Amino acid sequence: MKRPELVLLLAIWEFIAAFITLVILAAILLFGFPGMMNSVRYGDRMGYVGAIFGLCIACIILGIYFSVSIAGGIGLLTGKEWGRIVSIVQAAMSLFSIPFGTIIGALSLVYLTRSQVRDYFVKPAIQPPSPSVIPPTVTPPAPPAEPPTVTPPSPPTTPPAP
């Protein structure tokens, strides 16, 4: 079955989303945490504990989204059913990225649940070949019924005595 038209475009979108997520994650790690630690060092220490906790949670969520996006893109490109399911999860997570993620996520959800796209990813079960394709079986020759029996020669007879 031929790959549906927009599957490649969705895979590219997932890789772009993963790249943007990686850039945001790197910005948090390079600028957010050091800036927060500097503020903790010279300011109110207890007020920043919640902010540091929030940055940690944001990094965990962004890391999960990055992983899901990469896995979904690879799954779509290889045509695997798990790739379609992971891409549906990624599209649902994209709904929270206002405005572009919401629009593209909603369109992805609609497209990935269409029957033509679903049928592309579902591989048919292995079916036994039809009887017309099965080659005729050749029976091997039957073994001989019994091996010939060998009778021992009879003892020489002596001529009668005169």
Protein backbone atom coordinates (compact mmCIF):
# COMPACT_ATOMS: atom_id res chain seq x y z
CA MET A 1 0.00 0.00 0.00
CA LYS A 2 1.26 3.47 -0.90
CA ARG A 3 2.13 5.86 1.93
CA PRO A 4 -0.55 8.55 2.45
CA GLU A 5 0.39 12.03 1.26
CA LEU A 6 0.69 13.91 4.54
CA VAL A 7 2.51 11.28 6.61
CA LEU A 8 5.90 12.59 5.50
CA LEU A 9 4.82 16.15 6.30
CA LEU A 10 3.69 15.07 9.78
CA ALA A 11 7.03 13.34 10.38
CA ILE A 12 8.86 16.52 9.38
CA TRP A 13 6.62 18.52 11.73
CA GLU A 14 7.50 16.18 14.59
CA PHE A 15 11.22 16.59 13.96
CA ILE A 16 10.80 20.40 13.83
CA ALA A 17 8.82 20.29 17.09
CA ALA A 18 11.58 18.17 18.65
CA PHE A 19 14.22 20.68 17.53
CA ILE A 20 12.27 23.64 18.93
CA THR A 21 11.77 21.75 22.19
CA LEU A 22 15.49 21.03 22.37
CA VAL A 23 16.28 24.72 21.88
CA ILE A 24 13.86 25.71 24.67
CA LEU A 25 15.28 23.03 26.96
CA ALA A 26 18.83 24.22 26.29
CA ALA A 27 17.79 27.84 27.00
CA ILE A 28 16.32 26.82 30.34
CA LEU A 29 19.42 24.85 31.25
CA LEU A 30 21.87 27.52 30.09
CA PHE A 31 20.09 30.67 31.27
CA GLY A 32 17.22 29.77 33.60
CA PHE A 33 19.01 27.68 36.17
CA PRO A 34 22.18 29.79 36.42
CA GLY A 35 20.11 32.98 36.66
CA MET A 36 17.94 31.45 39.34
CA MET A 37 20.94 30.21 41.31
CA ASN A 38 22.51 33.66 41.13
CA SER A 39 19.30 35.16 42.52
CA VAL A 40 19.27 32.57 45.30
CA ARG A 41 22.85 33.39 46.21
CA TYR A 42 22.23 37.13 46.59
CA GLY A 43 18.57 37.29 47.48
CA ASP A 44 15.77 35.56 49.33
CA ARG A 45 16.58 31.87 49.34
CA MET A 46 13.17 30.52 50.32
CA GLY A 47 11.28 32.43 47.66
CA TYR A 48 13.15 30.75 44.82
CA VAL A 49 12.68 27.12 45.84
CA GLY A 50 9.33 27.01 44.05
CA ALA A 51 10.83 28.58 40.94
CA ILE A 52 13.65 26.04 40.83
CA PHE A 53 11.13 23.23 41.33
CA GLY A 54 9.04 24.66 38.47
CA LEU A 55 12.08 24.78 36.17
CA CYS A 56 12.85 21.14 36.99
CA ILE A 57 9.29 20.10 36.16
CA ALA A 58 9.43 22.11 32.92
CA CYS A 59 12.67 20.36 31.94
CA ILE A 60 11.15 16.94 32.61
CA ILE A 61 8.03 17.72 30.55
CA LEU A 62 10.11 19.14 27.69
CA GLY A 63 12.37 16.06 27.76
CA ILE A 64 9.36 13.77 27.52
CA TYR A 65 7.89 15.83 24.67
CA PHE A 66 11.24 15.74 22.85
CA SER A 67 11.46 11.95 23.17
CA VAL A 68 7.87 11.43 22.04
CA SER A 69 8.38 13.72 19.03
CA ILE A 70 11.53 11.91 17.88
CA ALA A 71 9.97 8.47 18.35
CA GLY A 72 6.78 9.50 16.57
CA GLY A 73 8.68 10.93 13.61
CA ILE A 74 10.78 7.80 13.22
CA GLY A 75 7.69 5.60 13.58
CA LEU A 76 5.83 7.55 10.89
CA LEU A 77 8.77 7.36 8.48
CA THR A 78 9.11 3.60 8.93
CA GLY A 79 5.35 3.00 8.64
CA LYS A 80 4.92 1.27 11.99
CA GLU A 81 1.62 1.16 13.88
CA TRP A 82 3.33 2.20 17.11
CA GLY A 83 4.61 5.28 15.27
CA ARG A 84 1.05 6.33 14.46
CA ILE A 85 0.01 5.87 18.10
CA VAL A 86 3.01 7.81 19.41
CA SER A 87 2.28 10.55 16.87
CA ILE A 88 -1.29 10.76 18.16
CA VAL A 89 0.12 11.21 21.68
CA GLN A 90 2.50 13.91 20.39
CA ALA A 91 -0.35 15.66 18.60
CA ALA A 92 -2.40 15.64 21.81
CA MET A 93 0.55 17.12 23.72
CA SER A 94 0.96 19.77 20.99
CA LEU A 95 -2.52 21.09 21.72
CA PHE A 96 -1.02 23.00 24.66
CA SER A 97 1.45 24.88 22.42
CA ILE A 98 -0.66 27.88 21.51
CA PRO A 99 -1.23 28.94 18.66
CA PHE A 100 0.67 26.85 16.08
CA GLY A 101 0.91 23.66 18.09
CA THR A 102 -2.81 23.75 18.79
CA ILE A 103 -3.72 24.09 15.13
CA ILE A 104 -1.23 21.52 13.85
CA GLY A 105 -1.97 19.14 16.73
CA ALA A 106 -5.71 19.22 16.04
CA LEU A 107 -5.19 18.66 12.32
CA SER A 108 -2.76 15.82 13.05
CA LEU A 109 -5.26 14.13 15.35
CA VAL A 110 -7.95 14.30 12.69
CA TYR A 111 -5.63 13.05 9.94
CA LEU A 112 -4.03 10.18 11.89
CA THR A 113 -7.42 8.77 12.88
CA ARG A 114 -8.77 8.62 9.32
CA SER A 115 -9.46 5.12 8.04
CA GLN A 116 -7.14 5.35 5.00
CA VAL A 117 -4.20 6.41 7.19
CA ARG A 118 -5.00 3.81 9.84
CA ASP A 119 -5.16 1.08 7.18
CA TYR A 120 -1.71 2.04 5.91
CA PHE A 121 -0.15 1.49 9.32
CA VAL A 122 -2.01 -1.73 10.18
CA LYS A 123 -0.19 -4.63 8.61
CA PRO A 124 -2.37 -7.53 7.41
CA ALA A 125 -2.13 -10.71 9.39
CA ILE A 126 -0.17 -13.54 7.83
CA GLN A 127 -2.64 -15.78 6.07
CA PRO A 128 -1.94 -19.31 4.85
CA PRO A 129 -1.65 -19.58 1.08
CA SER A 130 -4.73 -20.55 -0.85
CA PRO A 131 -5.06 -24.21 -1.97
CA SER A 132 -4.41 -23.30 -5.60
CA VAL A 133 -0.94 -22.06 -4.65
CA ILE A 134 0.10 -25.03 -2.52
CA PRO A 135 2.35 -27.31 -4.58
CA PRO A 136 1.28 -30.95 -4.84
CA THR A 137 3.01 -33.18 -2.39
CA VAL A 138 5.20 -35.90 -3.76
CA THR A 139 5.12 -39.14 -1.87
CA PRO A 140 8.45 -40.85 -1.49
CA PRO A 141 8.77 -44.36 -2.87
CA ALA A 142 7.73 -47.06 -0.47
CA PRO A 143 10.52 -49.12 1.06
CA PRO A 144 10.77 -52.74 -0.06
CA ALA A 145 8.31 -55.00 1.70
CA GLU A 146 10.81 -57.50 3.05
CA PRO A 147 14.41 -58.12 2.26
CA PRO A 148 14.96 -61.36 0.40
CA THR A 149 15.76 -64.24 2.69
CA VAL A 150 18.92 -66.17 2.04
CA THR A 151 18.71 -69.89 2.63
CA PRO A 152 21.90 -71.65 3.61
CA PRO A 153 23.12 -74.24 1.15
CA SER A 154 22.23 -77.78 2.00
CA PRO A 155 25.08 -80.04 3.14
CA PRO A 156 26.66 -82.10 0.37
CA THR A 157 25.10 -85.43 0.04
CA THR A 158 27.39 -88.43 0.02
CA PRO A 159 26.76 -91.16 -2.46
CA PRO A 160 25.46 -94.34 -0.92
CA ALA A 161 28.13 -96.89 -0.04
CA PRO A 162 28.44 -100.09 -2.23
